[in-house]
């Protein structure tokens, strides 16, 4: 699964980890995140994220 990076603060969403503090289980792909999910570091919306080239 692809990782995504926040364009505002550089936070990396890793689907292997999810976002447990926001109730997002490990194994949740970025595209399956709720529309109202925000960056846990800076609070921007999903549309500020882009795929991380590894």
N, C-alpha and C. Protein backbone atom coordinates (compact mmCIF):
# COMPACT_ATOMS: atom_id res chain seq x y z
N UNK A 1 0.84 -1.19 0.00
CA UNK A 1 0.00 0.00 0.00
C UNK A 1 0.88 1.25 0.00
N UNK A 2 0.43 2.23 -0.73
CA UNK A 2 1.20 3.46 -0.92
C UNK A 2 1.07 4.40 0.27
N UNK A 3 2.19 5.05 0.61
CA UNK A 3 2.20 6.07 1.65
C UNK A 3 1.90 7.42 1.02
N UNK A 4 1.34 8.32 1.82
CA UNK A 4 1.01 9.67 1.35
C UNK A 4 1.64 10.68 2.29
N UNK A 5 2.06 11.82 1.71
CA UNK A 5 2.72 12.86 2.50
C UNK A 5 1.89 14.15 2.50
N UNK A 6 1.82 14.78 3.65
CA UNK A 6 1.12 16.05 3.81
C UNK A 6 1.96 17.16 3.19
N UNK A 7 1.36 17.91 2.28
CA UNK A 7 2.06 19.00 1.63
C UNK A 7 2.32 20.19 2.54
N UNK A 8 1.59 20.27 3.65
CA UNK A 8 1.74 21.40 4.56
C UNK A 8 2.84 21.17 5.59
N UNK A 9 2.89 19.96 6.18
CA UNK A 9 3.83 19.75 7.28
C UNK A 9 4.79 18.59 7.09
N UNK A 10 4.56 17.76 6.08
CA UNK A 10 5.46 16.65 5.83
C UNK A 10 5.10 15.36 6.55
N UNK A 11 3.97 15.34 7.28
CA UNK A 11 3.52 14.11 7.93
C UNK A 11 3.30 13.04 6.88
N UNK A 12 3.72 11.82 7.17
CA UNK A 12 3.53 10.71 6.24
C UNK A 12 2.47 9.77 6.79
N UNK A 13 1.40 9.58 6.00
CA UNK A 13 0.38 8.60 6.35
C UNK A 13 0.85 7.25 5.83
N UNK A 14 1.07 6.32 6.74
CA UNK A 14 1.50 4.97 6.41
C UNK A 14 0.32 4.03 6.66
N UNK A 15 -0.23 3.43 5.60
CA UNK A 15 -1.39 2.56 5.78
C UNK A 15 -1.10 1.35 6.66
N UNK A 16 0.14 0.95 6.77
CA UNK A 16 0.50 -0.17 7.64
C UNK A 16 0.26 0.19 9.11
N UNK A 17 0.38 1.48 9.41
CA UNK A 17 0.20 1.96 10.79
C UNK A 17 -1.20 2.50 11.01
N UNK A 18 -1.77 3.13 9.99
CA UNK A 18 -3.07 3.78 10.12
C UNK A 18 -2.93 5.06 10.94
N UNK A 19 -3.99 5.45 11.61
CA UNK A 19 -3.99 6.61 12.51
C UNK A 19 -4.82 6.25 13.73
N UNK A 20 -4.24 5.42 14.61
CA UNK A 20 -5.01 4.90 15.75
C UNK A 20 -5.65 5.99 16.61
N UNK A 21 -5.00 7.14 16.75
CA UNK A 21 -5.56 8.23 17.56
C UNK A 21 -6.85 8.78 16.98
N UNK A 22 -7.03 8.59 15.66
CA UNK A 22 -8.26 9.05 14.99
C UNK A 22 -9.20 7.89 14.69
N UNK A 23 -8.90 6.71 15.21
CA UNK A 23 -9.76 5.55 14.99
C UNK A 23 -9.56 4.87 13.66
N UNK A 24 -8.43 5.14 12.99
CA UNK A 24 -8.13 4.52 11.70
C UNK A 24 -7.26 3.29 11.95
N UNK A 25 -7.78 2.15 11.62
CA UNK A 25 -7.10 0.89 11.88
C UNK A 25 -5.89 0.69 10.96
N UNK A 26 -4.85 0.00 11.45
CA UNK A 26 -3.75 -0.39 10.56
C UNK A 26 -4.28 -1.18 9.37
N UNK A 27 -3.70 -0.97 8.21
CA UNK A 27 -4.13 -1.64 7.00
C UNK A 27 -5.16 -0.86 6.20
N UNK A 28 -5.48 0.37 6.65
CA UNK A 28 -6.46 1.20 5.93
C UNK A 28 -5.77 2.00 4.84
N UNK A 29 -6.09 1.74 3.56
CA UNK A 29 -5.49 2.52 2.47
C UNK A 29 -5.93 3.98 2.55
N UNK A 30 -5.08 4.87 2.05
CA UNK A 30 -5.38 6.30 2.08
C UNK A 30 -6.72 6.60 1.44
N UNK A 31 -7.01 5.96 0.32
CA UNK A 31 -8.27 6.23 -0.39
C UNK A 31 -9.49 5.81 0.40
N UNK A 32 -9.31 4.96 1.42
CA UNK A 32 -10.42 4.51 2.24
C UNK A 32 -10.62 5.36 3.50
N UNK A 33 -9.77 6.36 3.69
CA UNK A 33 -9.94 7.25 4.85
C UNK A 33 -11.22 8.05 4.69
N UNK A 34 -11.90 8.34 5.80
CA UNK A 34 -13.13 9.15 5.70
C UNK A 34 -12.85 10.52 5.08
N UNK A 35 -13.84 11.08 4.41
CA UNK A 35 -13.67 12.38 3.76
C UNK A 35 -13.32 13.49 4.74
N UNK A 36 -13.73 13.33 6.00
CA UNK A 36 -13.46 14.38 6.98
C UNK A 36 -12.17 14.14 7.78
N UNK A 37 -11.39 13.12 7.39
CA UNK A 37 -10.12 12.86 8.06
C UNK A 37 -9.17 14.02 7.79
N UNK A 38 -8.41 14.40 8.80
CA UNK A 38 -7.43 15.49 8.68
C UNK A 38 -6.07 15.02 9.15
N UNK A 39 -5.05 15.72 8.71
CA UNK A 39 -3.68 15.42 9.13
C UNK A 39 -3.59 15.53 10.65
N UNK A 40 -3.09 14.48 11.31
CA UNK A 40 -3.00 14.52 12.77
C UNK A 40 -1.95 15.50 13.30
N UNK A 41 -1.06 15.96 12.43
CA UNK A 41 -0.02 16.91 12.84
C UNK A 41 -0.45 18.36 12.69
N UNK A 42 -1.07 18.69 11.54
CA UNK A 42 -1.36 20.11 11.29
C UNK A 42 -2.83 20.41 10.99
N UNK A 43 -3.66 19.36 10.76
CA UNK A 43 -5.09 19.56 10.61
C UNK A 43 -5.59 19.85 9.21
N UNK A 44 -4.72 19.81 8.19
CA UNK A 44 -5.21 20.05 6.83
C UNK A 44 -6.00 18.83 6.34
N UNK A 45 -6.79 19.02 5.30
CA UNK A 45 -7.65 17.96 4.78
C UNK A 45 -6.88 17.03 3.85
N UNK A 46 -7.54 15.92 3.49
CA UNK A 46 -6.92 14.89 2.64
C UNK A 46 -6.41 15.43 1.31
N UNK A 47 -7.05 16.47 0.78
CA UNK A 47 -6.64 16.96 -0.54
C UNK A 47 -5.28 17.65 -0.52
N UNK A 48 -4.72 17.86 0.65
CA UNK A 48 -3.38 18.44 0.77
C UNK A 48 -2.28 17.37 0.75
N UNK A 49 -2.69 16.11 0.66
CA UNK A 49 -1.73 14.99 0.64
C UNK A 49 -1.46 14.56 -0.79
N UNK A 50 -0.27 14.04 -1.00
CA UNK A 50 0.08 13.47 -2.31
C UNK A 50 0.83 12.16 -2.11
N UNK A 51 0.80 11.28 -3.12
CA UNK A 51 1.49 9.99 -2.99
C UNK A 51 2.99 10.21 -2.75
N UNK A 52 3.55 9.39 -1.91
CA UNK A 52 4.97 9.49 -1.59
C UNK A 52 5.73 8.55 -2.51
N UNK A 53 6.66 9.09 -3.26
CA UNK A 53 7.51 8.27 -4.12
C UNK A 53 8.64 7.71 -3.28
N UNK A 54 8.69 6.38 -3.22
CA UNK A 54 9.72 5.75 -2.40
C UNK A 54 10.76 5.10 -3.27
